[in-house]
Amino acid sequence: MTSRQKQNNRYAAAERRILRVRYPQNPAARKLCQLDEQRDRYSKAIDEVFGGMYRRGFRPGIDNENPAFLADFDLINRWQKEQERIARRVARIEQASGKTTEQALHEKYLLNAGRGSQSY
């Protein structure tokens, strides 16, 4: 992980502490919410890397094997594998608990209704 992503993770952790996000009491639902947030962070980080590649002149299909972008592709590939691992873990938890990610996120939303900048 680059220092920028580490800093963004630290900011996200500080934001979570400040807002004191409440998670459902059910351990499976809590874990599903946390894994969804983690998967979302990976997705945003991948988008940032692609954005950086395009700003540096990346052309899809033409520059796919350009050595200047291989490190970026390695990073994206590693994060996508991590996202797949998270998706498999979510599927196992959903199957074992009988609770879907959507249900868990809805519970979290209800617990945190009226908090943060969206509540004005």
PDB file of N, CA and C in Angstrom:
ATOM      1  N   MET A   1       0.846  -1.174   0.000  1.00  0.00           N
ATOM      2  CA  MET A   1       0.000   0.000   0.000  1.00  0.00           C
ATOM      3  C   MET A   1       0.893   1.239   0.000  1.00  0.00           C
ATOM      4  N   THR A   2       0.524   2.197  -0.794  1.00  0.00           N
ATOM      5  CA  THR A   2       1.319   3.419  -0.849  1.00  0.00           C
ATOM      6  C   THR A   2       1.035   4.273   0.378  1.00  0.00           C
ATOM      7  N   SER A   3       1.894   5.239   0.599  1.00  0.00           N
ATOM      8  CA  SER A   3       1.711   6.097   1.774  1.00  0.00           C
ATOM      9  C   SER A   3       0.413   6.895   1.672  1.00  0.00           C
ATOM     10  N   ARG A   4      -0.004   7.195   0.456  1.00  0.00           N
ATOM     11  CA  ARG A   4      -1.255   7.945   0.289  1.00  0.00           C
ATOM     12  C   ARG A   4      -2.457   7.107   0.749  1.00  0.00           C
ATOM     13  N   GLN A   5      -2.475   5.831   0.370  1.00  0.00           N
ATOM     14  CA  GLN A   5      -3.569   4.967   0.803  1.00  0.00           C
ATOM     15  C   GLN A   5      -3.526   4.752   2.311  1.00  0.00           C
ATOM     16  N   LYS A   6      -2.314   4.627   2.854  1.00  0.00           N
ATOM     17  CA  LYS A   6      -2.198   4.475   4.309  1.00  0.00           C
ATOM     18  C   LYS A   6      -2.743   5.708   5.015  1.00  0.00           C
ATOM     19  N   GLN A   7      -2.419   6.884   4.476  1.00  0.00           N
ATOM     20  CA  GLN A   7      -2.926   8.122   5.065  1.00  0.00           C
ATOM     21  C   GLN A   7      -4.446   8.175   4.952  1.00  0.00           C
ATOM     22  N   ASN A   8      -4.977   7.765   3.798  1.00  0.00           N
ATOM     23  CA  ASN A   8      -6.431   7.741   3.630  1.00  0.00           C
ATOM     24  C   ASN A   8      -7.080   6.771   4.609  1.00  0.00           C
ATOM     25  N   ASN A   9      -6.420   5.637   4.849  1.00  0.00           N
ATOM     26  CA  ASN A   9      -6.945   4.683   5.833  1.00  0.00           C
ATOM     27  C   ASN A   9      -6.933   5.291   7.230  1.00  0.00           C
ATOM     28  N   ARG A  10      -5.870   6.048   7.545  1.00  0.00           N
ATOM     29  CA  ARG A  10      -5.818   6.705   8.859  1.00  0.00           C
ATOM     30  C   ARG A  10      -6.931   7.741   8.979  1.00  0.00           C
ATOM     31  N   TYR A  11      -7.159   8.501   7.904  1.00  0.00           N
ATOM     32  CA  TYR A  11      -8.260   9.470   7.918  1.00  0.00           C
ATOM     33  C   TYR A  11      -9.601   8.769   8.099  1.00  0.00           C
ATOM     34  N   ALA A  12      -9.776   7.650   7.416  1.00  0.00           N
ATOM     35  CA  ALA A  12     -11.034   6.901   7.540  1.00  0.00           C
ATOM     36  C   ALA A  12     -11.212   6.393   8.965  1.00  0.00           C
ATOM     37  N   ALA A  13     -10.119   5.935   9.589  1.00  0.00           N
ATOM     38  CA  ALA A  13     -10.198   5.464  10.974  1.00  0.00           C
ATOM     39  C   ALA A  13     -10.545   6.614  11.913  1.00  0.00           C
ATOM     40  N   ALA A  14      -9.935   7.774  11.693  1.00  0.00           N
ATOM     41  CA  ALA A  14     -10.242   8.937  12.536  1.00  0.00           C
ATOM     42  C   ALA A  14     -11.694   9.358  12.351  1.00  0.00           C
ATOM     43  N   GLU A  15     -12.175   9.305  11.126  1.00  0.00           N
ATOM     44  CA  GLU A  15     -13.574   9.660  10.859  1.00  0.00           C
ATOM     45  C   GLU A  15     -14.516   8.701  11.578  1.00  0.00           C
ATOM     46  N   ARG A  16     -14.166   7.403  11.548  1.00  0.00           N
ATOM     47  CA  ARG A  16     -15.007   6.421  12.260  1.00  0.00           C
ATOM     48  C   ARG A  16     -15.026   6.701  13.753  1.00  0.00           C
ATOM     49  N   ARG A  17     -13.871   7.078  14.312  1.00  0.00           N
ATOM     50  CA  ARG A  17     -13.834   7.383  15.748  1.00  0.00           C
ATOM     51  C   ARG A  17     -14.664   8.616  16.066  1.00  0.00           C
ATOM     52  N   ILE A  18     -14.537   9.645  15.224  1.00  0.00           N
ATOM     53  CA  ILE A  18     -15.263  10.896  15.473  1.00  0.00           C
ATOM     54  C   ILE A  18     -16.768  10.678  15.372  1.00  0.00           C
ATOM     55  N   LEU A  19     -17.193   9.986  14.333  1.00  0.00           N
ATOM     56  CA  LEU A  19     -18.627   9.784  14.132  1.00  0.00           C
ATOM     57  C   LEU A  19     -19.194   8.659  15.001  1.00  0.00           C
ATOM     58  N   ARG A  20     -18.326   7.839  15.560  1.00  0.00           N
ATOM     59  CA  ARG A  20     -18.732   6.722  16.414  1.00  0.00           C
ATOM     60  C   ARG A  20     -19.843   5.902  15.772  1.00  0.00           C
ATOM     61  N   VAL A  21     -19.529   5.348  14.641  1.00  0.00           N
ATOM     62  CA  VAL A  21     -20.499   4.535  13.917  1.00  0.00           C
ATOM     63  C   VAL A  21     -20.869   3.333  14.773  1.00  0.00           C
ATOM     64  N   ARG A  22     -22.156   3.106  14.890  1.00  0.00           N
ATOM     65  CA  ARG A  22     -22.641   1.963  15.655  1.00  0.00           C
ATOM     66  C   ARG A  22     -22.951   0.825  14.699  1.00  0.00           C
ATOM     67  N   TYR A  23     -22.526  -0.364  15.086  1.00  0.00           N
ATOM     68  CA  TYR A  23     -22.758  -1.557  14.285  1.00  0.00           C
ATOM     69  C   TYR A  23     -23.809  -2.424  14.968  1.00  0.00           C
ATOM     70  N   PRO A  24     -24.484  -3.281  14.200  1.00  0.00           N
ATOM     71  CA  PRO A  24     -25.474  -4.180  14.804  1.00  0.00           C
ATOM     72  C   PRO A  24     -24.848  -5.073  15.874  1.00  0.00           C
ATOM     73  N   GLN A  25     -25.665  -5.491  16.848  1.00  0.00           N
ATOM     74  CA  GLN A  25     -25.166  -6.340  17.931  1.00  0.00           C
ATOM     75  C   GLN A  25     -24.823  -7.743  17.442  1.00  0.00           C
ATOM     76  N   ASN A  26     -25.560  -8.229  16.458  1.00  0.00           N
ATOM     77  CA  ASN A  26     -25.314  -9.561  15.911  1.00  0.00           C
ATOM     78  C   ASN A  26     -23.904  -9.606  15.313  1.00  0.00           C
ATOM     79  N   PRO A  27     -23.041 -10.535  15.783  1.00  0.00           N
ATOM     80  CA  PRO A  27     -21.656 -10.571  15.286  1.00  0.00           C
ATOM     81  C   PRO A  27     -21.565 -10.781  13.771  1.00  0.00           C
ATOM     82  N   ALA A  28     -22.446 -11.604  13.215  1.00  0.00           N
ATOM     83  CA  ALA A  28     -22.408 -11.843  11.769  1.00  0.00           C
ATOM     84  C   ALA A  28     -22.769 -10.568  11.013  1.00  0.00           C
ATOM     85  N   ALA A  29     -23.798  -9.864  11.470  1.00  0.00           N
ATOM     86  CA  ALA A  29     -24.207  -8.619  10.810  1.00  0.00           C
ATOM     87  C   ALA A  29     -23.111  -7.566  10.932  1.00  0.00           C
ATOM     88  N   ARG A  30     -22.472  -7.493  12.101  1.00  0.00           N
ATOM     89  CA  ARG A  30     -21.394  -6.528  12.304  1.00  0.00           C
ATOM     90  C   ARG A  30     -20.246  -6.809  11.339  1.00  0.00           C
ATOM     91  N   LYS A  31     -19.871  -8.086  11.222  1.00  0.00           N
ATOM     92  CA  LYS A  31     -18.769  -8.460  10.346  1.00  0.00           C
ATOM     93  C   LYS A  31     -19.118  -8.186   8.884  1.00  0.00           C
ATOM     94  N   LEU A  32     -20.374  -8.445   8.496  1.00  0.00           N
ATOM     95  CA  LEU A  32     -20.789  -8.163   7.120  1.00  0.00           C
ATOM     96  C   LEU A  32     -20.667  -6.675   6.807  1.00  0.00           C
ATOM     97  N   CYS A  33     -21.060  -5.827   7.751  1.00  0.00           N
ATOM     98  CA  CYS A  33     -20.944  -4.373   7.550  1.00  0.00           C
ATOM     99  C   CYS A  33     -19.485  -3.959   7.412  1.00  0.00           C
ATOM    100  N   GLN A  34     -18.631  -4.505   8.267  1.00  0.00           N
ATOM    101  CA  GLN A  34     -17.217  -4.141   8.230  1.00  0.00           C
ATOM    102  C   GLN A  34     -16.554  -4.622   6.939  1.00  0.00           C
ATOM    103  N   LEU A  35     -16.903  -5.836   6.503  1.00  0.00           N
ATOM    104  CA  LEU A  35     -16.331  -6.348   5.261  1.00  0.00           C
ATOM    105  C   LEU A  35     -16.819  -5.546   4.057  1.00  0.00           C
ATOM    106  N   ASP A  36     -18.061  -5.091   4.094  1.00  0.00           N
ATOM    107  CA  ASP A  36     -18.577  -4.256   3.008  1.00  0.00           C
ATOM    108  C   ASP A  36     -17.806  -2.937   2.938  1.00  0.00           C
ATOM    109  N   GLU A  37     -17.522  -2.348   4.094  1.00  0.00           N
ATOM    110  CA  GLU A  37     -16.735  -1.110   4.122  1.00  0.00           C
ATOM    111  C   GLU A  37     -15.327  -1.346   3.581  1.00  0.00           C
ATOM    112  N   GLN A  38     -14.736  -2.482   3.966  1.00  0.00           N
ATOM    113  CA  GLN A  38     -13.388  -2.801   3.514  1.00  0.00           C
ATOM    114  C   GLN A  38     -13.369  -2.990   1.992  1.00  0.00           C
ATOM    115  N   ARG A  39     -14.359  -3.702   1.470  1.00  0.00           N
ATOM    116  CA  ARG A  39     -14.449  -3.918   0.025  1.00  0.00           C
ATOM    117  C   ARG A  39     -14.639  -2.585  -0.699  1.00  0.00           C
ATOM    118  N   ASP A  40     -15.410  -1.704  -0.118  1.00  0.00           N
ATOM    119  CA  ASP A  40     -15.643  -0.379  -0.700  1.00  0.00           C
ATOM    120  C   ASP A  40     -14.351   0.443  -0.731  1.00  0.00           C
ATOM    121  N   ARG A  41     -13.551   0.349   0.336  1.00  0.00           N
ATOM    122  CA  ARG A  41     -12.269   1.074   0.362  1.00  0.00           C
ATOM    123  C   ARG A  41     -11.332   0.565  -0.733  1.00  0.00           C
ATOM    124  N   TYR A  42     -11.280  -0.772  -0.934  1.00  0.00           N
ATOM    125  CA  TYR A  42     -10.448  -1.321  -2.008  1.00  0.00           C
ATOM    126  C   TYR A  42     -10.927  -0.813  -3.367  1.00  0.00           C
ATOM    127  N   SER A  43     -12.230  -0.780  -3.563  1.00  0.00           N
ATOM    128  CA  SER A  43     -12.787  -0.317  -4.836  1.00  0.00           C
ATOM    129  C   SER A  43     -12.393   1.136  -5.102  1.00  0.00           C
ATOM    130  N   LYS A  44     -12.491   1.976  -4.085  1.00  0.00           N
ATOM    131  CA  LYS A  44     -12.112   3.385  -4.248  1.00  0.00           C
ATOM    132  C   LYS A  44     -10.618   3.522  -4.527  1.00  0.00           C
ATOM    133  N   ALA A  45      -9.799   2.708  -3.865  1.00  0.00           N
ATOM    134  CA  ALA A  45      -8.353   2.774  -4.080  1.00  0.00           C
ATOM    135  C   ALA A  45      -8.006   2.345  -5.505  1.00  0.00           C
ATOM    136  N   ILE A  46      -8.678   1.311  -6.015  1.00  0.00           N
ATOM    137  CA  ILE A  46      -8.445   0.870  -7.394  1.00  0.00           C
ATOM    138  C   ILE A  46      -8.820   1.985  -8.367  1.00  0.00           C
ATOM    139  N   ASP A  47      -9.938   2.641  -8.108  1.00  0.00           N
ATOM    140  CA  ASP A  47     -10.350   3.763  -8.966  1.00  0.00           C
ATOM    141  C   ASP A  47      -9.308   4.874  -8.946  1.00  0.00           C
ATOM    142  N   GLU A  48      -8.728   5.146  -7.785  1.00  0.00           N
ATOM    143  CA  GLU A  48      -7.686   6.177  -7.687  1.00  0.00           C
ATOM    144  C   GLU A  48      -6.468   5.808  -8.514  1.00  0.00           C
ATOM    145  N   VAL A  49      -6.059   4.529  -8.449  1.00  0.00           N
ATOM    146  CA  VAL A  49      -4.889   4.092  -9.214  1.00  0.00           C
ATOM    147  C   VAL A  49      -5.164   4.221 -10.710  1.00  0.00           C
ATOM    148  N   PHE A  50      -6.351   3.773 -11.148  1.00  0.00           N
ATOM    149  CA  PHE A  50      -6.700   3.928 -12.562  1.00  0.00           C
ATOM    150  C   PHE A  50      -6.714   5.398 -12.964  1.00  0.00           C
ATOM    151  N   GLY A  51      -7.230   6.255 -12.102  1.00  0.00           N
ATOM    152  CA  GLY A  51      -7.235   7.689 -12.386  1.00  0.00           C
ATOM    153  C   GLY A  51      -5.829   8.224 -12.563  1.00  0.00           C
ATOM    154  N   GLY A  52      -4.920   7.792 -11.697  1.00  0.00           N
ATOM    155  CA  GLY A  52      -3.524   8.204 -11.820  1.00  0.00           C
ATOM    156  C   GLY A  52      -2.892   7.714 -13.108  1.00  0.00           C
ATOM    157  N   MET A  53      -3.238   6.490 -13.507  1.00  0.00           N
ATOM    158  CA  MET A  53      -2.705   5.952 -14.761  1.00  0.00           C
ATOM    159  C   MET A  53      -3.196   6.775 -15.954  1.00  0.00           C
ATOM    160  N   TYR A  54      -4.478   7.107 -15.958  1.00  0.00           N
ATOM    161  CA  TYR A  54      -5.014   7.903 -17.074  1.00  0.00           C
ATOM    162  C   TYR A  54      -4.398   9.295 -17.109  1.00  0.00           C
ATOM    163  N   ARG A  55      -4.156   9.878 -15.938  1.00  0.00           N
ATOM    164  CA  ARG A  55      -3.519  11.197 -15.909  1.00  0.00           C
ATOM    165  C   ARG A  55      -2.092  11.131 -16.447  1.00  0.00           C
ATOM    166  N   ARG A  56      -1.443   9.973 -16.315  1.00  0.00           N
ATOM    167  CA  ARG A  56      -0.087   9.797 -16.836  1.00  0.00           C
ATOM    168  C   ARG A  56      -0.090   9.342 -18.297  1.00  0.00           C
ATOM    169  N   GLY A  57      -1.269   9.262 -18.913  1.00  0.00           N
ATOM    170  CA  GLY A  57      -1.325   8.966 -20.346  1.00  0.00           C
ATOM    171  C   GLY A  57      -1.621   7.527 -20.700  1.00  0.00           C
ATOM    172  N   PHE A  58      -2.163   6.748 -19.801  1.00  0.00           N
ATOM    173  CA  PHE A  58      -2.492   5.350 -20.094  1.00  0.00           C
ATOM    174  C   PHE A  58      -3.606   5.271 -21.134  1.00  0.00           C
ATOM    175  N   ARG A  59      -3.407   4.377 -22.132  1.00  0.00           N
ATOM    176  CA  ARG A  59      -4.424   4.139 -23.154  1.00  0.00           C
ATOM    177  C   ARG A  59      -4.807   2.664 -23.098  1.00  0.00           C
ATOM    178  N   PRO A  60      -6.063   2.357 -22.771  1.00  0.00           N
ATOM    179  CA  PRO A  60      -6.487   0.952 -22.658  1.00  0.00           C
ATOM    180  C   PRO A  60      -6.247   0.191 -23.959  1.00  0.00           C
ATOM    181  N   GLY A  61      -5.732  -1.031 -23.814  1.00  0.00           N
ATOM    182  CA  GLY A  61      -5.476  -1.875 -24.972  1.00  0.00           C
ATOM    183  C   GLY A  61      -4.143  -1.595 -25.633  1.00  0.00           C
ATOM    184  N   ILE A  62      -3.706  -0.351 -25.631  1.00  0.00           N
ATOM    185  CA  ILE A  62      -2.443   0.014 -26.284  1.00  0.00           C
ATOM    186  C   ILE A  62      -1.292  -0.093 -25.288  1.00  0.00           C
ATOM    187  N   ASP A  63      -1.493   0.436 -24.080  1.00  0.00           N
ATOM    188  CA  ASP A  63      -0.430   0.472 -23.074  1.00  0.00           C
ATOM    189  C   ASP A  63      -0.524  -0.662 -22.053  1.00  0.00           C
ATOM    190  N   ASN A  64      -1.303  -1.714 -22.335  1.00  0.00           N
ATOM    191  CA  ASN A  64      -1.499  -2.774 -21.343  1.00  0.00           C
ATOM    192  C   ASN A  64      -0.194  -3.447 -20.927  1.00  0.00           C
ATOM    193  N   GLU A  65       0.785  -3.514 -21.833  1.00  0.00           N
ATOM    194  CA  GLU A  65       2.052  -4.166 -21.503  1.00  0.00           C
ATOM    195  C   GLU A  65       3.192  -3.161 -21.380  1.00  0.00           C
ATOM    196  N   ASN A  66       2.873  -1.905 -21.261  1.00  0.00           N
ATOM    197  CA  ASN A  66       3.877  -0.863 -21.091  1.00  0.00           C
ATOM    198  C   ASN A  66       4.488  -1.001 -19.694  1.00  0.00           C
ATOM    199  N   PRO A  67       5.829  -1.131 -19.610  1.00  0.00           N
ATOM    200  CA  PRO A  67       6.471  -1.316 -18.297  1.00  0.00           C
ATOM    201  C   PRO A  67       6.189  -0.190 -17.303  1.00  0.00           C
ATOM    202  N   ALA A  68       5.857   0.992 -17.796  1.00  0.00           N
ATOM    203  CA  ALA A  68       5.584   2.116 -16.895  1.00  0.00           C
ATOM    204  C   ALA A  68       4.338   1.870 -16.054  1.00  0.00           C
ATOM    205  N   PHE A  69       3.448   1.012 -16.530  1.00  0.00           N
ATOM    206  CA  PHE A  69       2.189   0.784 -15.826  1.00  0.00           C
ATOM    207  C   PHE A  69       2.109  -0.591 -15.160  1.00  0.00           C
ATOM    208  N   LEU A  70       3.163  -1.408 -15.278  1.00  0.00           N
ATOM    209  CA  LEU A  70       3.105  -2.765 -14.731  1.00  0.00           C
ATOM    210  C   LEU A  70       2.950  -2.764 -13.212  1.00  0.00           C
ATOM    211  N   ALA A  71       3.619  -1.845 -12.533  1.00  0.00           N
ATOM    212  CA  ALA A  71       3.503  -1.786 -11.068  1.00  0.00           C
ATOM    213  C   ALA A  71       2.071  -1.448 -10.661  1.00  0.00           C
ATOM    214  N   ASP A  72       1.440  -0.550 -11.424  1.00  0.00           N
ATOM    215  CA  ASP A  72       0.042  -0.209 -11.136  1.00  0.00           C
ATOM    216  C   ASP A  72      -0.860  -1.417 -11.339  1.00  0.00           C
ATOM    217  N   PHE A  73      -0.621  -2.161 -12.428  1.00  0.00           N
ATOM    218  CA  PHE A  73      -1.436  -3.350 -12.677  1.00  0.00           C
ATOM    219  C   PHE A  73      -1.233  -4.401 -11.588  1.00  0.00           C
ATOM    220  N   ASP A  74       0.013  -4.548 -11.118  1.00  0.00           N
ATOM    221  CA  ASP A  74       0.270  -5.495 -10.028  1.00  0.00           C
ATOM    222  C   ASP A  74      -0.509  -5.105  -8.778  1.00  0.00           C
ATOM    223  N   LEU A  75      -0.502  -3.820  -8.461  1.00  0.00           N
ATOM    224  CA  LEU A  75      -1.224  -3.328  -7.290  1.00  0.00           C
ATOM    225  C   LEU A  75      -2.729  -3.556  -7.442  1.00  0.00           C
ATOM    226  N   ILE A  76      -3.263  -3.220  -8.609  1.00  0.00           N
ATOM    227  CA  ILE A  76      -4.694  -3.417  -8.861  1.00  0.00           C
ATOM    228  C   ILE A  76      -5.044  -4.897  -8.774  1.00  0.00           C
ATOM    229  N   ASN A  77      -4.198  -5.742  -9.350  1.00  0.00           N
ATOM    230  CA  ASN A  77      -4.449  -7.184  -9.327  1.00  0.00           C
ATOM    231  C   ASN A  77      -4.467  -7.705  -7.897  1.00  0.00           C
ATOM    232  N   ARG A  78      -3.522  -7.245  -7.081  1.00  0.00           N
ATOM    233  CA  ARG A  78      -3.474  -7.685  -5.677  1.00  0.00           C
ATOM    234  C   ARG A  78      -4.731  -7.251  -4.934  1.00  0.00           C
ATOM    235  N   TRP A  79      -5.171  -6.019  -5.160  1.00  0.00           N
ATOM    236  CA  TRP A  79      -6.372  -5.526  -4.481  1.00  0.00           C
ATOM    237  C   TRP A  79      -7.623  -6.245  -4.969  1.00  0.00           C
ATOM    238  N   GLN A  80      -7.670  -6.588  -6.284  1.00  0.00           N
ATOM    239  CA  GLN A  80      -8.828  -7.321  -6.790  1.00  0.00           C
ATOM    240  C   GLN A  80      -8.887  -8.724  -6.186  1.00  0.00           C
ATOM    241  N   LYS A  81      -7.726  -9.354  -6.011  1.00  0.00           N
ATOM    242  CA  LYS A  81      -7.704 -10.665  -5.354  1.00  0.00           C
ATOM    243  C   LYS A  81      -8.182 -10.542  -3.916  1.00  0.00           C
ATOM    244  N   GLU A  82      -7.800  -9.468  -3.260  1.00  0.00           N
ATOM    245  CA  GLU A  82      -8.252  -9.230  -1.884  1.00  0.00           C
ATOM    246  C   GLU A  82      -9.768  -9.018  -1.860  1.00  0.00           C
ATOM    247  N   GLN A  83     -10.294  -8.297  -2.842  1.00  0.00           N
ATOM    248  CA  GLN A  83     -11.743  -8.113  -2.933  1.00  0.00           C
ATOM    249  C   GLN A  83     -12.453  -9.451  -3.146  1.00  0.00           C
ATOM    250  N   GLU A  84     -11.877 -10.318  -3.971  1.00  0.00           N
ATOM    251  CA  GLU A  84     -12.467 -11.642  -4.195  1.00  0.00           C
ATOM    252  C   GLU A  84     -12.446 -12.458  -2.907  1.00  0.00           C
ATOM    253  N   ARG A  85     -11.347 -12.358  -2.147  1.00  0.00           N
ATOM    254  CA  ARG A  85     -11.256 -13.066  -0.870  1.00  0.00           C
ATOM    255  C   ARG A  85     -12.337 -12.566   0.081  1.00  0.00           C
ATOM    256  N   ILE A  86     -12.545 -11.254   0.115  1.00  0.00           N
ATOM    257  CA  ILE A  86     -13.583 -10.676   0.969  1.00  0.00           C
ATOM    258  C   ILE A  86     -14.958 -11.162   0.520  1.00  0.00           C
ATOM    259  N   ALA A  87     -15.185 -11.219  -0.803  1.00  0.00           N
ATOM    260  CA  ALA A  87     -16.480 -11.676  -1.323  1.00  0.00           C
ATOM    261  C   ALA A  87     -16.743 -13.127  -0.921  1.00  0.00           C
ATOM    262  N   ARG A  88     -15.706 -13.983  -0.971  1.00  0.00           N
ATOM    263  CA  ARG A  88     -15.881 -15.383  -0.535  1.00  0.00           C
ATOM    264  C   ARG A  88     -16.193 -15.449   0.954  1.00  0.00           C
ATOM    265  N   ARG A  89     -15.518 -14.608   1.726  1.00  0.00           N
ATOM    266  CA  ARG A  89     -15.762 -14.580   3.172  1.00  0.00           C
ATOM    267  C   ARG A  89     -17.186 -14.107   3.475  1.00  0.00           C
ATOM    268  N   VAL A  90     -17.643 -13.083   2.753  1.00  0.00           N
ATOM    269  CA  VAL A  90     -19.010 -12.585   2.921  1.00  0.00           C
ATOM    270  C   VAL A  90     -20.011 -13.691   2.592  1.00  0.00           C
ATOM    271  N   ALA A  91     -19.763 -14.424   1.500  1.00  0.00           N
ATOM    272  CA  ALA A  91     -20.677 -15.507   1.110  1.00  0.00           C
ATOM    273  C   ALA A  91     -20.745 -16.577   2.198  1.00  0.00           C
ATOM    274  N   ARG A  92     -19.587 -16.916   2.790  1.00  0.00           N
ATOM    275  CA  ARG A  92     -19.580 -17.917   3.876  1.00  0.00           C
ATOM    276  C   ARG A  92     -20.371 -17.422   5.075  1.00  0.00           C
ATOM    277  N   ILE A  93     -20.172 -16.160   5.464  1.00  0.00           N
ATOM    278  CA  ILE A  93     -20.879 -15.604   6.623  1.00  0.00           C
ATOM    279  C   ILE A  93     -22.375 -15.536   6.347  1.00  0.00           C
ATOM    280  N   GLU A  94     -22.745 -15.107   5.133  1.00  0.00           N
ATOM    281  CA  GLU A  94     -24.169 -15.025   4.787  1.00  0.00           C
ATOM    282  C   GLU A  94     -24.819 -16.403   4.837  1.00  0.00           C
ATOM    283  N   GLN A  95     -24.114 -17.405   4.320  1.00  0.00           N
ATOM    284  CA  GLN A  95     -24.671 -18.759   4.310  1.00  0.00           C
ATOM    285  C   GLN A  95     -24.797 -19.307   5.726  1.00  0.00           C
ATOM    286  N   ALA A  96     -23.798 -19.065   6.560  1.00  0.00           N
ATOM    287  CA  ALA A  96     -23.814 -19.596   7.926  1.00  0.00           C
ATOM    288  C   ALA A  96     -24.843 -18.890   8.801  1.00  0.00           C
ATOM    289  N   SER A  97     -25.017 -17.589   8.605  1.00  0.00           N
ATOM    290  CA  SER A  97     -25.894 -16.824   9.495  1.00  0.00           C
ATOM    291  C   SER A  97     -27.313 -16.670   8.962  1.00  0.00           C
ATOM    292  N   GLY A  98     -27.497 -16.839   7.654  1.00  0.00           N
ATOM    293  CA  GLY A  98     -28.812 -16.635   7.066  1.00  0.00           C
ATOM    294  C   GLY A  98     -29.172 -15.168   6.919  1.00  0.00           C
ATOM    295  N   LYS A  99     -28.214 -14.291   7.109  1.00  0.00           N
ATOM    296  CA  LYS A  99     -28.452 -12.842   7.014  1.00  0.00           C
ATOM    297  C   LYS A  99     -27.677 -12.313   5.811  1.00  0.00           C
ATOM    298  N   THR A 100     -28.327 -11.455   5.016  1.00  0.00           N
ATOM    299  CA  THR A 100     -27.658 -10.899   3.844  1.00  0.00           C
ATOM    300  C   THR A 100     -26.932  -9.607   4.216  1.00  0.00           C
ATOM    301  N   THR A 101     -26.016  -9.203   3.351  1.00  0.00           N
ATOM    302  CA  THR A 101     -25.290  -7.951   3.564  1.00  0.00           C
ATOM    303  C   THR A 101     -26.257  -6.774   3.572  1.00  0.00           C
ATOM    304  N   GLU A 102     -27.262  -6.818   2.692  1.00  0.00           N
ATOM    305  CA  GLU A 102     -28.237  -5.724   2.624  1.00  0.00           C
ATOM    306  C   GLU A 102     -28.989  -5.583   3.945  1.00  0.00           C
ATOM    307  N   GLN A 103     -29.367  -6.716   4.545  1.00  0.00           N
ATOM    308  CA  GLN A 103     -30.065  -6.668   5.834  1.00  0.00           C
ATOM    309  C   GLN A 103     -29.158  -6.079   6.910  1.00  0.00           C
ATOM    310  N   ALA A 104     -27.894  -6.506   6.915  1.00  0.00           N
ATOM    311  CA  ALA A 104     -26.948  -6.005   7.912  1.00  0.00           C
ATOM    312  C   ALA A 104     -26.723  -4.502   7.744  1.00  0.00           C
ATOM    313  N   LEU A 105     -26.583  -4.058   6.494  1.00  0.00           N
ATOM    314  CA  LEU A 105     -26.380  -2.626   6.251  1.00  0.00           C
ATOM    315  C   LEU A 105     -27.624  -1.823   6.623  1.00  0.00           C
ATOM    316  N   HIS A 106     -28.801  -2.406   6.425  1.00  0.00           N
ATOM    317  CA  HIS A 106     -30.038  -1.725   6.816  1.00  0.00           C
ATOM    318  C   HIS A 106     -30.098  -1.565   8.335  1.00  0.00           C
ATOM    319  N   GLU A 107     -29.708  -2.621   9.067  1.00  0.00           N
ATOM    320  CA  GLU A 107     -29.663  -2.529  10.536  1.00  0.00           C
ATOM    321  C   GLU A 107     -28.701  -1.426  10.969  1.00  0.00           C
ATOM    322  N   LYS A 108     -27.536  -1.384  10.321  1.00  0.00           N
ATOM    323  CA  LYS A 108     -26.544  -0.359  10.651  1.00  0.00           C
ATOM    324  C   LYS A 108     -27.102   1.029  10.358  1.00  0.00           C
ATOM    325  N   TYR A 109     -27.786   1.167   9.232  1.00  0.00           N
ATOM    326  CA  TYR A 109     -28.380   2.453   8.869  1.00  0.00           C
ATOM    327  C   TYR A 109     -29.384   2.895   9.929  1.00  0.00           C
ATOM    328  N   LEU A 110     -30.220   1.969  10.387  1.00  0.00           N
ATOM    329  CA  LEU A 110     -31.222   2.313  11.397  1.00  0.00           C
ATOM    330  C   LEU A 110     -30.571   2.722  12.717  1.00  0.00           C
ATOM    331  N   LEU A 111     -29.458   2.065  13.072  1.00  0.00           N
ATOM    332  CA  LEU A 111     -28.751   2.407  14.311  1.00  0.00           C
ATOM    333  C   LEU A 111     -28.115   3.791  14.232  1.00  0.00           C
ATOM    334  N   ASN A 112     -27.721   4.190  13.023  1.00  0.00           N
ATOM    335  CA  ASN A 112     -26.988   5.448  12.857  1.00  0.00           C
ATOM    336  C   ASN A 112     -27.823   6.545  12.220  1.00  0.00           C
ATOM    337  N   ALA A 113     -29.122   6.359  12.127  1.00  0.00           N
ATOM    338  CA  ALA A 113     -29.982   7.377  11.518  1.00  0.00           C
ATOM    339  C   ALA A 113     -29.899   8.663  12.337  1.00  0.00           C
ATOM    340  N   GLY A 114     -29.821   9.791  11.638  1.00  0.00           N
ATOM    341  CA  GLY A 114     -29.750  11.074  12.325  1.00  0.00           C
ATOM    342  C   GLY A 114     -28.363  11.471  12.765  1.00  0.00           C
ATOM    343  N   ARG A 115     -27.326  10.779  12.261  1.00  0.00           N
ATOM    344  CA  ARG A 115     -25.949  11.115  12.624  1.00  0.00           C
ATOM    345  C   ARG A 115     -25.198  11.601  11.391  1.00  0.00           C
ATOM    346  N   GLY A 116     -24.215  12.416  11.604  1.00  0.00           N
ATOM    347  CA  GLY A 116     -23.337  12.837  10.526  1.00  0.00           C
ATOM    348  C   GLY A 116     -23.930  13.909   9.638  1.00  0.00           C
ATOM    349  N   SER A 117     -23.249  14.178   8.549  1.00  0.00           N
ATOM    350  CA  SER A 117     -23.613  15.301   7.686  1.00  0.00           C
ATOM    351  C   SER A 117     -24.884  15.035   6.891  1.00  0.00           C
ATOM    352  N   GLN A 118     -25.308  13.790   6.788  1.00  0.00           N
ATOM    353  CA  GLN A 118     -26.487  13.473   5.980  1.00  0.00           C
ATOM    354  C   GLN A 118     -27.783  13.732   6.733  1.00  0.00           C
ATOM    355  N   SER A 119     -27.701  14.152   7.980  1.00  0.00           N
ATOM    356  CA  SER A 119     -28.904  14.246   8.808  1.00  0.00           C
ATOM    357  C   SER A 119     -29.502  15.645   8.859  1.00  0.00           C
ATOM    358  N   TYR A 120     -28.978  16.581   8.092  1.00  0.00           N
ATOM    359  CA  TYR A 120     -29.490  17.948   8.177  1.00  0.00           C
ATOM    360  C   TYR A 120     -30.823  18.086   7.492  1.00  0.00           C
TER     361      TYR A 120
END
